[in-house]
Amino acid sequence: MIIQLIAGTTGALGFGMLFGLRPKYLPIAALGGFLCWAVYLVGITFIWEGVFWPTVLSAAVTSLFSEIIGKIYHIPASAIYTPAVVPLVPGASLYYTMNAIVANDWIKAQYMAVETVKYTLGIAIGMSAVYTIFAIKKRIQLKGSRYE
């Protein structure tokens, strides 16, 4: 688990650099990657079987972290969320899906494709849930102001 957490942190840091994140925000993105993968590991080890719900929880926690950091540092939440969620991206399952298709192993391809979709939907639902809550909160705060 420790190696996985280090890899998640390093992956988020690397993608933060790749995406041109300002150097002062790189440690925050790395912390987000650590948090993202730690929540996923807790979810998959102690709470749920399968990848969908741990991915939803991890994506939601990472999105919440990104929204809070965005408010604190006055930066877009997506600047932190994008590199921080990289540990959840289903690269391995997508690779195995494509590998099974090339090998004409349609049973394995179908299984791996379903896993890939579970990861992808989990990321989208977790992120969207938190984004929606923050958007509603912002709309309520603006209600009655001259900016609506």
Protein backbone atom coordinates (compact mmCIF):
# COMPACT_ATOMS: atom_id res chain seq x y z
CA MET A 1 0.00 0.00 0.00
CA ILE A 2 2.81 2.41 0.79
CA ILE A 3 4.33 1.92 -2.66
CA GLN A 4 0.92 2.52 -4.24
CA LEU A 5 0.50 5.76 -2.26
CA ILE A 6 3.96 6.93 -3.30
CA ALA A 7 3.14 6.09 -6.92
CA GLY A 8 -0.17 7.98 -6.75
CA THR A 9 1.54 11.00 -5.24
CA THR A 10 4.35 10.92 -7.79
CA GLY A 11 1.92 10.44 -10.66
CA ALA A 12 -0.11 13.47 -9.61
CA LEU A 13 3.07 15.51 -9.23
CA GLY A 14 4.31 14.46 -12.66
CA PHE A 15 1.02 15.25 -14.36
CA GLY A 16 0.91 18.59 -12.53
CA MET A 17 4.26 19.42 -14.11
CA LEU A 18 3.14 18.07 -17.49
CA PHE A 19 0.01 20.25 -17.40
CA GLY A 20 2.07 23.34 -16.54
CA LEU A 21 0.82 23.82 -13.00
CA ARG A 22 2.70 26.59 -11.24
CA PRO A 23 5.50 25.18 -9.07
CA LYS A 24 4.03 26.53 -5.85
CA TYR A 25 0.88 24.43 -6.44
CA LEU A 26 2.69 21.19 -7.31
CA PRO A 27 2.91 19.97 -3.68
CA ILE A 28 -0.84 20.56 -3.32
CA ALA A 29 -1.57 18.55 -6.46
CA ALA A 30 0.73 15.78 -5.15
CA LEU A 31 -1.15 15.82 -1.84
CA GLY A 32 -4.38 15.56 -3.82
CA GLY A 33 -3.03 12.49 -5.63
CA PHE A 34 -2.06 10.94 -2.32
CA LEU A 35 -5.51 11.67 -0.86
CA CYS A 36 -7.22 10.36 -3.99
CA TRP A 37 -5.47 7.02 -3.93
CA ALA A 38 -5.63 6.68 -0.11
CA VAL A 39 -9.42 7.10 -0.14
CA TYR A 40 -9.70 4.61 -3.02
CA LEU A 41 -7.57 2.04 -1.15
CA VAL A 42 -9.62 2.45 2.03
CA GLY A 43 -12.84 2.11 0.05
CA ILE A 44 -11.80 -0.98 -1.88
CA THR A 45 -10.06 -2.67 1.07
CA PHE A 46 -12.50 -2.05 3.93
CA ILE A 47 -15.86 -0.91 2.59
CA TRP A 48 -16.85 -2.20 -0.86
CA GLU A 49 -16.07 -4.97 -3.28
CA GLY A 50 -15.56 -3.87 -6.87
CA VAL A 51 -14.18 -0.64 -8.23
CA PHE A 52 -17.24 1.55 -8.83
CA TRP A 53 -18.13 2.85 -5.35
CA PRO A 54 -14.53 3.29 -4.15
CA THR A 55 -13.90 5.30 -7.33
CA VAL A 56 -17.00 7.46 -6.78
CA LEU A 57 -15.96 8.14 -3.17
CA SER A 58 -12.35 8.88 -4.10
CA ALA A 59 -13.32 11.18 -6.98
CA ALA A 60 -15.80 13.03 -4.74
CA VAL A 61 -13.26 13.50 -1.93
CA THR A 62 -10.63 14.65 -4.44
CA SER A 63 -13.11 17.06 -6.01
CA LEU A 64 -14.04 18.44 -2.59
CA PHE A 65 -10.35 18.86 -1.77
CA SER A 66 -9.82 20.66 -5.08
CA GLU A 67 -12.79 22.97 -4.55
CA ILE A 68 -11.58 23.92 -1.06
CA ILE A 69 -8.00 24.49 -2.26
CA GLY A 70 -9.33 26.51 -5.19
CA LYS A 71 -11.23 28.80 -2.81
CA ILE A 72 -8.25 29.18 -0.48
CA TYR A 73 -5.71 29.96 -3.22
CA HIS A 74 -8.11 31.68 -5.65
CA ILE A 75 -7.36 29.27 -8.47
CA PRO A 76 -9.69 27.07 -10.53
CA ALA A 77 -10.47 23.79 -8.79
CA SER A 78 -9.74 21.96 -12.04
CA ALA A 79 -6.09 23.06 -11.82
CA ILE A 80 -5.70 20.82 -8.77
CA TYR A 81 -8.33 18.19 -9.60
CA THR A 82 -6.94 17.24 -13.00
CA PRO A 83 -3.51 16.04 -11.80
CA ALA A 84 -4.85 14.81 -8.44
CA VAL A 85 -7.34 12.40 -10.02
CA VAL A 86 -4.73 10.79 -12.28
CA PRO A 87 -4.26 7.76 -9.98
CA LEU A 88 -7.88 6.78 -10.69
CA VAL A 89 -7.60 6.91 -14.47
CA PRO A 90 -8.22 3.35 -15.72
CA GLY A 91 -5.10 2.95 -17.84
CA ALA A 92 -4.44 -0.68 -16.95
CA SER A 93 -8.00 -1.87 -17.53
CA LEU A 94 -8.16 0.02 -20.82
CA TYR A 95 -4.87 -1.57 -21.88
CA TYR A 96 -6.10 -5.06 -21.00
CA THR A 97 -9.36 -4.39 -22.84
CA MET A 98 -7.51 -3.46 -26.01
CA ASN A 99 -5.07 -6.33 -25.57
CA ALA A 100 -7.94 -8.82 -25.29
CA ILE A 101 -9.61 -7.36 -28.39
CA VAL A 102 -6.40 -7.73 -30.40
CA ALA A 103 -6.04 -11.31 -29.13
CA ASN A 104 -9.70 -12.05 -30.04
CA ASP A 105 -10.45 -12.93 -26.41
CA TRP A 106 -13.93 -11.43 -26.40
CA ILE A 107 -14.89 -12.71 -22.94
CA LYS A 108 -11.91 -11.00 -21.31
CA ALA A 109 -12.40 -7.91 -23.49
CA GLN A 110 -16.00 -7.60 -22.33
CA TYR A 111 -15.06 -8.04 -18.67
CA MET A 112 -12.22 -5.50 -18.86
CA ALA A 113 -14.36 -3.02 -20.83
CA VAL A 114 -16.99 -3.14 -18.08
CA GLU A 115 -14.28 -2.49 -15.47
CA THR A 116 -12.99 0.46 -17.52
CA VAL A 117 -16.50 1.92 -17.74
CA LYS A 118 -16.99 1.47 -13.98
CA TYR A 119 -13.85 3.49 -13.28
CA THR A 120 -14.80 6.15 -15.81
CA LEU A 121 -18.36 6.54 -14.55
CA GLY A 122 -17.14 6.55 -10.96
CA ILE A 123 -14.79 9.45 -11.67
CA ALA A 124 -17.48 11.37 -13.55
CA ILE A 125 -20.20 10.82 -10.94
CA GLY A 126 -17.96 11.63 -7.96
CA MET A 127 -16.68 14.81 -9.54
CA SER A 128 -20.10 15.88 -10.83
CA ALA A 129 -21.79 15.40 -7.45
CA VAL A 130 -19.39 17.72 -5.66
CA TYR A 131 -19.34 20.23 -8.53
CA THR A 132 -23.15 20.34 -8.51
CA ILE A 133 -23.29 20.97 -4.76
CA PHE A 134 -20.80 23.84 -5.07
CA ALA A 135 -22.66 25.29 -8.07
CA ILE A 136 -25.97 25.22 -6.18
CA LYS A 137 -24.30 26.81 -3.15
CA LYS A 138 -22.88 29.56 -5.32
CA ARG A 139 -26.26 30.14 -6.99
CA ILE A 140 -27.96 30.41 -3.61
CA GLN A 141 -25.35 32.93 -2.47
CA LEU A 142 -25.89 35.01 -5.61
CA LYS A 143 -29.69 34.86 -5.37
CA GLY A 144 -31.04 38.30 -4.77
CA SER A 145 -27.75 39.98 -5.63
CA ARG A 146 -27.32 42.19 -8.62
CA TYR A 147 -25.14 39.54 -10.32
CA GLU A 148 -27.92 37.05 -10.98
